[in-house]
C-alpha atoms as a PDB file:
ATOM      1  CA  MET A   1      83.140  81.184  45.739  1.00  0.00           C
ATOM      2  CA  SER A   2      85.132  83.653  47.867  1.00  0.00           C
ATOM      3  CA  GLY A   3      84.920  86.066  44.903  1.00  0.00           C
ATOM      4  CA  VAL A   4      81.240  86.612  45.769  1.00  0.00           C
ATOM      5  CA  TYR A   5      82.114  87.565  49.339  1.00  0.00           C
ATOM      6  CA  GLU A   6      85.063  89.644  48.173  1.00  0.00           C
ATOM      7  CA  ARG A   7      82.685  91.704  45.992  1.00  0.00           C
ATOM      8  CA  GLU A   8      80.232  91.939  48.894  1.00  0.00           C
ATOM      9  CA  LEU A   9      82.932  93.391  51.171  1.00  0.00           C
ATOM     10  CA  ARG A  10      84.230  95.712  48.438  1.00  0.00           C
ATOM     11  CA  ALA A  11      80.747  97.226  48.000  1.00  0.00           C
ATOM     12  CA  VAL A  12      80.436  97.806  51.745  1.00  0.00           C
ATOM     13  CA  LEU A  13      83.853  99.432  52.192  1.00  0.00           C
ATOM     14  CA  ALA A  14      83.194 101.600  49.122  1.00  0.00           C
ATOM     15  CA  GLY A  15      80.215 103.021  51.015  1.00  0.00           C
ATOM     16  CA  GLU A  16      77.547 101.707  48.652  1.00  0.00           C
ATOM     17  CA  LYS A  17      74.293 101.859  50.613  1.00  0.00           C
ATOM     18  CA  LYS A  18      72.849  98.962  48.636  1.00  0.00           C
ATOM     19  CA  GLY A  19      75.840  96.830  49.699  1.00  0.00           C
ATOM     20  CA  VAL A  20      75.556  97.858  53.357  1.00  0.00           C
ATOM     21  CA  TYR A  21      71.826  97.124  53.403  1.00  0.00           C
ATOM     22  CA  ALA A  22      72.460  93.727  51.795  1.00  0.00           C
ATOM     23  CA  ILE A  23      74.853  92.590  54.539  1.00  0.00           C
ATOM     24  CA  THR A  24      72.771  94.057  57.370  1.00  0.00           C
ATOM     25  CA  ARG A  25      69.429  92.623  56.239  1.00  0.00           C
ATOM     26  CA  SER A  26      69.131  90.424  59.337  1.00  0.00           C
ATOM     27  CA  CYS A  27      70.959  92.805  61.711  1.00  0.00           C
ATOM     28  CA  THR A  28      69.431  95.064  64.339  1.00  0.00           C
ATOM     29  CA  GLU A  29      68.724  98.711  63.523  1.00  0.00           C
ATOM     30  CA  VAL A  30      71.631  99.741  65.766  1.00  0.00           C
ATOM     31  CA  GLU A  31      74.035  97.423  63.918  1.00  0.00           C
ATOM     32  CA  ARG A  32      72.768  98.711  60.570  1.00  0.00           C
ATOM     33  CA  SER A  33      73.185 102.352  61.587  1.00  0.00           C
ATOM     34  CA  LEU A  34      76.758 101.665  62.748  1.00  0.00           C
ATOM     35  CA  ALA A  35      77.558  99.961  59.434  1.00  0.00           C
ATOM     36  CA  LEU A  36      76.001 102.799  57.417  1.00  0.00           C
ATOM     37  CA  GLN A  37      78.567 105.225  58.848  1.00  0.00           C
ATOM     38  CA  VAL A  38      80.997 103.994  56.186  1.00  0.00           C
ATOM     39  CA  CYS A  39      78.816 105.717  53.571  1.00  0.00           C
ATOM     40  CA  GLU A  40      79.978 109.071  54.994  1.00  0.00           C
ATOM     41  CA  ARG A  41      83.685 108.086  54.871  1.00  0.00           C
ATOM     42  CA  PRO A  42      83.988 105.529  52.062  1.00  0.00           C
ATOM     43  CA  PHE A  43      87.134 103.871  50.769  1.00  0.00           C
ATOM     44  CA  LEU A  44      88.477 103.375  47.305  1.00  0.00           C
ATOM     45  CA  VAL A  45      88.511  99.585  47.229  1.00  0.00           C
ATOM     46  CA  VAL A  46      90.462  97.720  44.588  1.00  0.00           C
ATOM     47  CA  ARG A  47      91.182  94.100  43.957  1.00  0.00           C
ATOM     48  CA  ALA A  48      94.810  93.600  44.856  1.00  0.00           C
ATOM     49  CA  PRO A  49      97.103  93.050  41.887  1.00  0.00           C
ATOM     50  CA  GLY A  50      97.881  89.364  41.801  1.00  0.00           C
ATOM     51  CA  SER A  51      95.073  88.742  44.271  1.00  0.00           C
ATOM     52  CA  GLY A  52      95.886  85.640  46.210  1.00  0.00           C
ATOM     53  CA  SER A  53      99.613  86.399  45.939  1.00  0.00           C
ATOM     54  CA  GLU A  54     101.491  86.352  49.153  1.00  0.00           C
ATOM     55  CA  GLY A  55     101.474  89.610  51.091  1.00  0.00           C
ATOM     56  CA  THR A  56      98.966  91.578  49.021  1.00  0.00           C
ATOM     57  CA  GLY A  57      95.699  90.291  50.431  1.00  0.00           C
ATOM     58  CA  ASP A  58      92.618  90.070  48.211  1.00  0.00           C
ATOM     59  CA  ILE A  59      91.584  93.723  48.328  1.00  0.00           C
ATOM     60  CA  LEU A  60      93.139  97.064  49.222  1.00  0.00           C
ATOM     61  CA  ALA A  61      91.037  99.672  51.020  1.00  0.00           C
ATOM     62  CA  LEU A  62      92.394 103.203  50.527  1.00  0.00           C
ATOM     63  CA  ARG A  63      91.306 106.523  51.961  1.00  0.00           C
ATOM     64  CA  GLY A  64      93.179 109.765  52.587  1.00  0.00           C
ATOM     65  CA  ASP A  65      93.874 108.928  56.212  1.00  0.00           C
ATOM     66  CA  ILE A  66      94.305 105.118  56.189  1.00  0.00           C
ATOM     67  CA  CYS A  67      95.011 102.161  53.951  1.00  0.00           C
ATOM     68  CA  PHE A  68      95.055  98.423  54.563  1.00  0.00           C
ATOM     69  CA  PRO A  69      95.246  95.157  52.644  1.00  0.00           C
ATOM     70  CA  ILE A  70      92.524  92.644  53.473  1.00  0.00           C
ATOM     71  CA  GLU A  71      92.590  88.870  52.996  1.00  0.00           C
ATOM     72  CA  VAL A  72      89.006  87.594  52.580  1.00  0.00           C
ATOM     73  CA  LYS A  73      88.066  84.131  53.842  1.00  0.00           C
ATOM     74  CA  SER A  74      84.721  82.344  54.058  1.00  0.00           C
ATOM     75  CA  SER A  75      83.617  79.070  55.587  1.00  0.00           C
ATOM     76  CA  LYS A  76      80.625  77.140  56.909  1.00  0.00           C
ATOM     77  CA  LYS A  77      82.674  76.420  60.048  1.00  0.00           C
ATOM     78  CA  ASP A  78      83.629  79.102  62.546  1.00  0.00           C
ATOM     79  CA  LYS A  79      87.334  78.181  62.552  1.00  0.00           C
ATOM     80  CA  ILE A  80      89.857  78.072  59.721  1.00  0.00           C
ATOM     81  CA  TYR A  81      93.226  76.557  60.481  1.00  0.00           C
ATOM     82  CA  LEU A  82      96.085  78.041  58.489  1.00  0.00           C
ATOM     83  CA  SER A  83      98.561  75.618  56.980  1.00  0.00           C
ATOM     84  CA  GLY A  84     100.498  75.275  53.766  1.00  0.00           C
ATOM     85  CA  ARG A  85      99.564  78.053  51.348  1.00  0.00           C
ATOM     86  CA  THR A  86      97.243  79.841  53.803  1.00  0.00           C
ATOM     87  CA  LYS A  87      99.998  79.924  56.454  1.00  0.00           C
ATOM     88  CA  ASP A  88     102.403  81.290  53.834  1.00  0.00           C
ATOM     89  CA  GLN A  89      99.818  84.023  53.058  1.00  0.00           C
ATOM     90  CA  TYR A  90      99.609  84.893  56.753  1.00  0.00           C
ATOM     91  CA  ASP A  91     103.413  85.117  57.083  1.00  0.00           C
ATOM     92  CA  ALA A  92     103.597  87.262  53.942  1.00  0.00           C
ATOM     93  CA  LEU A  93     100.859  89.600  55.245  1.00  0.00           C
ATOM     94  CA  MET A  94     102.853  90.031  58.451  1.00  0.00           C
ATOM     95  CA  THR A  95     106.056  90.733  56.511  1.00  0.00           C
ATOM     96  CA  THR A  96     104.308  93.215  54.200  1.00  0.00           C
ATOM     97  CA  GLY A  97     102.689  94.956  57.165  1.00  0.00           C
ATOM     98  CA  GLU A  98     105.990  95.405  58.977  1.00  0.00           C
ATOM     99  CA  ARG A  99     107.943  96.337  55.856  1.00  0.00           C
ATOM    100  CA  CYS A 100     105.383  98.915  54.683  1.00  0.00           C
ATOM    101  CA  GLY A 101     103.963 100.067  58.036  1.00  0.00           C
ATOM    102  CA  LEU A 102     100.475  98.765  57.218  1.00  0.00           C
ATOM    103  CA  MET A 103      97.798  97.140  59.343  1.00  0.00           C
ATOM    104  CA  THR A 104      96.942  93.926  57.490  1.00  0.00           C
ATOM    105  CA  LEU A 105      93.529  92.380  58.089  1.00  0.00           C
ATOM    106  CA  TYR A 106      91.510  89.214  57.664  1.00  0.00           C
ATOM    107  CA  ALA A 107      87.792  89.514  56.888  1.00  0.00           C
ATOM    108  CA  PHE A 108      86.096  86.204  57.763  1.00  0.00           C
ATOM    109  CA  ARG A 109      82.585  85.579  56.424  1.00  0.00           C
ATOM    110  CA  LEU A 110      80.703  82.768  58.181  1.00  0.00           C
ATOM    111  CA  LYS A 111      78.143  81.223  55.840  1.00  0.00           C
ATOM    112  CA  GLY A 112      74.589  80.522  56.961  1.00  0.00           C
ATOM    113  CA  VAL A 113      74.542  82.791  60.014  1.00  0.00           C
ATOM    114  CA  ARG A 114      71.948  85.474  60.733  1.00  0.00           C
ATOM    115  CA  GLY A 115      72.944  88.961  61.804  1.00  0.00           C
ATOM    116  CA  ASP A 116      76.423  90.299  61.108  1.00  0.00           C
ATOM    117  CA  SER A 117      78.150  87.379  59.382  1.00  0.00           C
ATOM    118  CA  TRP A 118      81.532  89.116  58.980  1.00  0.00           C
ATOM    119  CA  ARG A 119      84.375  89.296  61.495  1.00  0.00           C
ATOM    120  CA  ILE A 120      87.568  91.334  61.254  1.00  0.00           C
ATOM    121  CA  MET A 121      90.945  90.354  62.747  1.00  0.00           C
ATOM    122  CA  LYS A 122      94.356  91.886  62.308  1.00  0.00           C
ATOM    123  CA  VAL A 123      97.695  90.279  61.680  1.00  0.00           C
ATOM    124  CA  PRO A 124      99.939  91.474  64.538  1.00  0.00           C
ATOM    125  CA  VAL A 125     102.460  93.927  63.090  1.00  0.00           C
ATOM    126  CA  ASN A 126     105.200  95.840  64.882  1.00  0.00           C
ATOM    127  CA  GLY A 127     106.004  99.451  64.114  1.00  0.00           C
ATOM    128  CA  LEU A 128     102.595 100.882  63.245  1.00  0.00           C
ATOM    129  CA  THR A 129     102.339 104.635  63.664  1.00  0.00           C
ATOM    130  CA  GLY A 130      99.690 107.318  63.732  1.00  0.00           C
ATOM    131  CA  LYS A 131      96.077 106.429  63.133  1.00  0.00           C
ATOM    132  CA  LEU A 132      96.848 102.798  62.249  1.00  0.00           C
ATOM    133  CA  ARG A 133      98.534 102.340  65.611  1.00  0.00           C
ATOM    134  CA  SER A 134      95.477 103.739  67.403  1.00  0.00           C
ATOM    135  CA  LEU A 135      93.080 101.603  65.365  1.00  0.00           C
ATOM    136  CA  SER A 136      95.142  98.453  65.887  1.00  0.00           C
ATOM    137  CA  ARG A 137      94.581  98.642  69.649  1.00  0.00           C
ATOM    138  CA  SER A 138      90.841  98.095  69.148  1.00  0.00           C
ATOM    139  CA  ILE A 139      90.943  95.305  66.566  1.00  0.00           C
ATOM    140  CA  PRO A 140      91.597  91.763  67.829  1.00  0.00           C
ATOM    141  CA  ASN A 141      94.636  89.855  66.617  1.00  0.00           C
ATOM    142  CA  VAL A 142      94.335  86.635  64.678  1.00  0.00           C
ATOM    143  CA  PRO A 143      94.271  84.121  67.576  1.00  0.00           C
ATOM    144  CA  LEU A 144      96.854  81.416  68.147  1.00  0.00           C
ATOM    145  CA  THR A 145      96.345  77.722  68.861  1.00  0.00           C
ATOM    146  CA  ARG A 146      97.807  76.203  72.027  1.00  0.00           C
ATOM    147  CA  GLY A 147     100.789  75.296  69.872  1.00  0.00           C
ATOM    148  CA  GLY A 148     101.254  78.957  68.902  1.00  0.00           C
ATOM    149  CA  LYS A 149     100.010  78.668  65.300  1.00  0.00           C
ATOM    150  CA  PRO A 150      97.679  81.346  63.892  1.00  0.00           C
ATOM    151  CA  TYR A 151      94.132  80.386  62.935  1.00  0.00           C
ATOM    152  CA  LEU A 152      90.923  82.257  62.196  1.00  0.00           C
ATOM    153  CA  ASN A 153      88.244  82.025  64.867  1.00  0.00           C
ATOM    154  CA  TRP A 154      85.040  83.805  63.834  1.00  0.00           C
ATOM    155  CA  GLN A 155      83.917  83.989  67.468  1.00  0.00           C
ATOM    156  CA  GLU A 156      86.973  86.059  68.416  1.00  0.00           C
ATOM    157  CA  GLY A 157      86.811  88.580  65.567  1.00  0.00           C
ATOM    158  CA  MET A 158      85.330  92.080  65.625  1.00  0.00           C
ATOM    159  CA  PRO A 159      81.869  92.282  64.025  1.00  0.00           C
ATOM    160  CA  LEU A 160      82.014  94.170  60.735  1.00  0.00           C
ATOM    161  CA  HIS A 161      79.454  96.792  61.812  1.00  0.00           C
ATOM    162  CA  ARG A 162      81.672  97.726  64.793  1.00  0.00           C
ATOM    163  CA  PHE A 163      84.748  97.825  62.554  1.00  0.00           C
ATOM    164  CA  LEU A 164      82.956 100.084  60.042  1.00  0.00           C
ATOM    165  CA  SER A 165      81.907 102.430  62.825  1.00  0.00           C
ATOM    166  CA  LEU A 166      85.461 102.485  64.195  1.00  0.00           C
ATOM    167  CA  ILE A 167      87.123 103.313  60.864  1.00  0.00           C
ATOM    168  CA  SER A 168      84.438 105.849  59.943  1.00  0.00           C
ATOM    169  CA  ARG A 169      85.259 108.007  62.941  1.00  0.00           C
ATOM    170  CA  SER A 170      88.215 110.257  62.337  1.00  0.00           C
ATOM    171  CA  ASP A 171      89.823 113.478  63.375  1.00  0.00           C
ATOM    172  CA  GLY A 172      89.375 114.650  59.803  1.00  0.00           C
ATOM    173  CA  ALA A 173      85.611 114.165  59.951  1.00  0.00           C
ATOM    174  CA  ARG A 174      85.408 115.810  63.363  1.00  0.00           C
ATOM    175  CA  SER A 175      87.464 118.804  62.230  1.00  0.00           C
ATOM    176  CA  ILE A 176      85.227 119.207  59.162  1.00  0.00           C
ATOM    177  CA  ASP A 177      82.168 119.171  61.449  1.00  0.00           C
ATOM    178  CA  ALA A 178      83.865 121.593  63.838  1.00  0.00           C
ATOM    179  CA  LYS A 179      84.728 123.921  60.923  1.00  0.00           C
ATOM    180  CA  ASN A 180      81.138 123.772  59.648  1.00  0.00           C
ATOM    181  CA  ASN A 181      79.854 124.533  63.159  1.00  0.00           C
ATOM    182  CA  PHE A 182      82.323 127.413  63.449  1.00  0.00           C
ATOM    183  CA  ASP A 183      81.228 128.765  60.043  1.00  0.00           C
ATOM    184  CA  ASN A 184      77.558 128.537  61.073  1.00  0.00           C
ATOM    185  CA  VAL A 185      78.198 130.328  64.374  1.00  0.00           C
ATOM    186  CA  TYR A 186      80.299 132.980  62.606  1.00  0.00           C
ATOM    187  CA  THR A 187      77.505 133.569  60.045  1.00  0.00           C
ATOM    188  CA  GLU A 188      74.922 133.919  62.815  1.00  0.00           C
ATOM    189  CA  LEU A 189      77.138 136.341  64.777  1.00  0.00           C
ATOM    190  CA  THR A 190      77.754 138.373  61.630  1.00  0.00           C
ATOM    191  CA  LYS A 191      74.004 138.682  61.062  1.00  0.00           C
ATOM    192  CA  LEU A 192      73.566 139.954  64.649  1.00  0.00           C
ATOM    193  CA  SER A 193      76.282 142.575  64.172  1.00  0.00           C
ATOM    194  CA  ILE A 194      74.592 144.093  61.137  1.00  0.00           C
END
């Protein structure tokens, strides 16, 4: 069943408007407009080779400025406790993140909830640099139980629409806008000089 939600998330990250509208059907207009920002800065989203293998996540989101593996989980309950194979996946995501300098994420879809039903959490990774380091400061870590074991708590994750807005902002996009503004001003000044 998680394959359905994996496809849903892939469509959104790829900037498909139909996919964004589908997940924001019961969201506010503000939430929908934040989510739609990904359509301007979409990702190439691929199913990870050996999806479900340790350390790869389920999908890889790639764009010129950032890349991250994402493990997709869904549940009717707002908490998922990691043990056995799921704990091994978590440990492998952490190892892969540190070894490759990647921010590894969990995307948790809560079934049967209205509004934004997705939450994003990151696996804490040391040694991130550049844009990933900046982004990681805003995204909540996978929480820990009192005993120090990681678990997924939907309530503590970042809503997907906020995450999409966060990753859609970039220096690259701003510099393109600034260049376009400069070109427009230059054209107007040139017309006045003639």
